[in-house]
Amino acid sequence: MFIIASVGLNNFFEEKIKKIILAGADALRYSFSYGPIENTIDRIKVGMKVIDELNSSAKIIVRAIDCFKCADKRLNISLFIKL
């Protein structure tokens, strides 16, 4: 089983992300539907920071169409790729 947790406006804070990952989430899914793209990128960075701090194998999921929105804004989407 693979658990995907959607990260929205109510649970993107660092402490909530920690609880989500510690509860067993295998991936954090982000959407660019909520506010400016730059805000969502900042939220993704928080998720990446928490994953690193917990030494977790959790992944970040972003819809491909949302990545194209970033490309249209000439934003660096390489931060989404974590090998």
Protein backbone atom coordinates (compact mmCIF):
# COMPACT_ATOMS: atom_id res chain seq x y z
CA MET A 1 0.00 0.00 0.00
CA PHE A 2 1.17 3.52 -0.85
CA ILE A 3 -0.28 6.43 1.17
CA ILE A 4 -0.53 9.80 -0.58
CA ALA A 5 -1.38 12.80 1.59
CA SER A 6 -2.77 15.93 -0.03
CA VAL A 7 -1.19 19.07 1.36
CA GLY A 8 -3.55 22.02 1.30
CA LEU A 9 -4.05 25.37 2.92
CA ASN A 10 -4.82 23.89 6.34
CA ASN A 11 -1.90 21.50 6.69
CA PHE A 12 1.17 22.94 5.01
CA PHE A 13 2.84 24.06 8.24
CA GLU A 14 6.02 22.29 9.27
CA GLU A 15 4.54 20.62 12.38
CA LYS A 16 1.54 19.29 10.47
CA ILE A 17 3.75 17.93 7.70
CA LYS A 18 5.85 16.13 10.33
CA LYS A 19 2.72 14.54 11.79
CA ILE A 20 1.53 13.47 8.34
CA ILE A 21 4.84 11.80 7.50
CA LEU A 22 5.19 10.18 10.92
CA ALA A 23 1.63 8.87 10.56
CA GLY A 24 2.81 6.91 7.53
CA ALA A 25 2.45 9.06 4.42
CA ASP A 26 4.65 7.84 1.58
CA ALA A 27 4.12 10.95 -0.55
CA LEU A 28 2.98 14.55 -0.20
CA ARG A 29 0.78 15.82 -3.04
CA TYR A 30 0.71 19.53 -3.76
CA SER A 31 -1.58 21.51 -6.04
CA PHE A 32 -1.01 24.91 -7.58
CA SER A 33 -4.74 25.66 -7.42
CA TYR A 34 -4.43 27.58 -4.16
CA GLY A 35 -2.99 31.04 -4.58
CA PRO A 36 0.13 32.23 -6.38
CA ILE A 37 2.59 29.68 -7.75
CA GLU A 38 5.38 31.16 -5.66
CA ASN A 39 3.44 30.41 -2.44
CA THR A 40 2.99 26.78 -3.43
CA ILE A 41 6.69 26.48 -4.20
CA ASP A 42 7.44 27.81 -0.72
CA ARG A 43 5.08 25.18 0.75
CA ILE A 44 6.81 22.44 -1.24
CA LYS A 45 10.16 23.61 0.12
CA VAL A 46 8.77 23.23 3.66
CA GLY A 47 7.74 19.66 2.81
CA MET A 48 11.17 18.90 1.38
CA LYS A 49 12.83 20.33 4.50
CA VAL A 50 10.71 18.15 6.79
CA ILE A 51 11.39 15.05 4.68
CA ASP A 52 15.12 15.73 4.95
CA GLU A 53 14.97 16.43 8.71
CA LEU A 54 13.11 13.18 9.36
CA ASN A 55 15.40 11.30 6.97
CA SER A 56 12.19 10.05 5.38
CA SER A 57 11.81 8.33 2.05
CA ALA A 58 8.57 10.26 1.41
CA LYS A 59 8.24 11.81 -2.04
CA ILE A 60 6.74 15.01 -3.41
CA ILE A 61 4.01 14.74 -6.04
CA VAL A 62 3.03 17.62 -8.30
CA ARG A 63 0.67 17.29 -11.25
CA ALA A 64 2.46 17.66 -14.60
CA ILE A 65 0.09 20.41 -15.70
CA ASP A 66 1.13 22.39 -12.63
CA CYS A 67 4.80 22.03 -13.60
CA PHE A 68 3.93 23.53 -16.99
CA LYS A 69 2.42 26.52 -15.18
CA CYS A 70 5.76 26.97 -13.44
CA ALA A 71 7.59 26.76 -16.74
CA ASP A 72 5.27 29.40 -18.16
CA LYS A 73 6.24 31.67 -15.28
CA ARG A 74 9.90 30.85 -15.91
CA LEU A 75 10.28 29.41 -12.42
CA ASN A 76 12.86 26.78 -11.61
CA ILE A 77 11.00 23.47 -11.34
CA SER A 78 14.15 21.47 -10.68
CA LEU A 79 13.37 21.70 -6.96
CA PHE A 80 10.62 19.12 -7.52
CA ILE A 81 13.08 16.46 -8.56
CA LYS A 82 14.64 14.56 -5.71
CA LEU A 83 16.48 11.37 -6.53
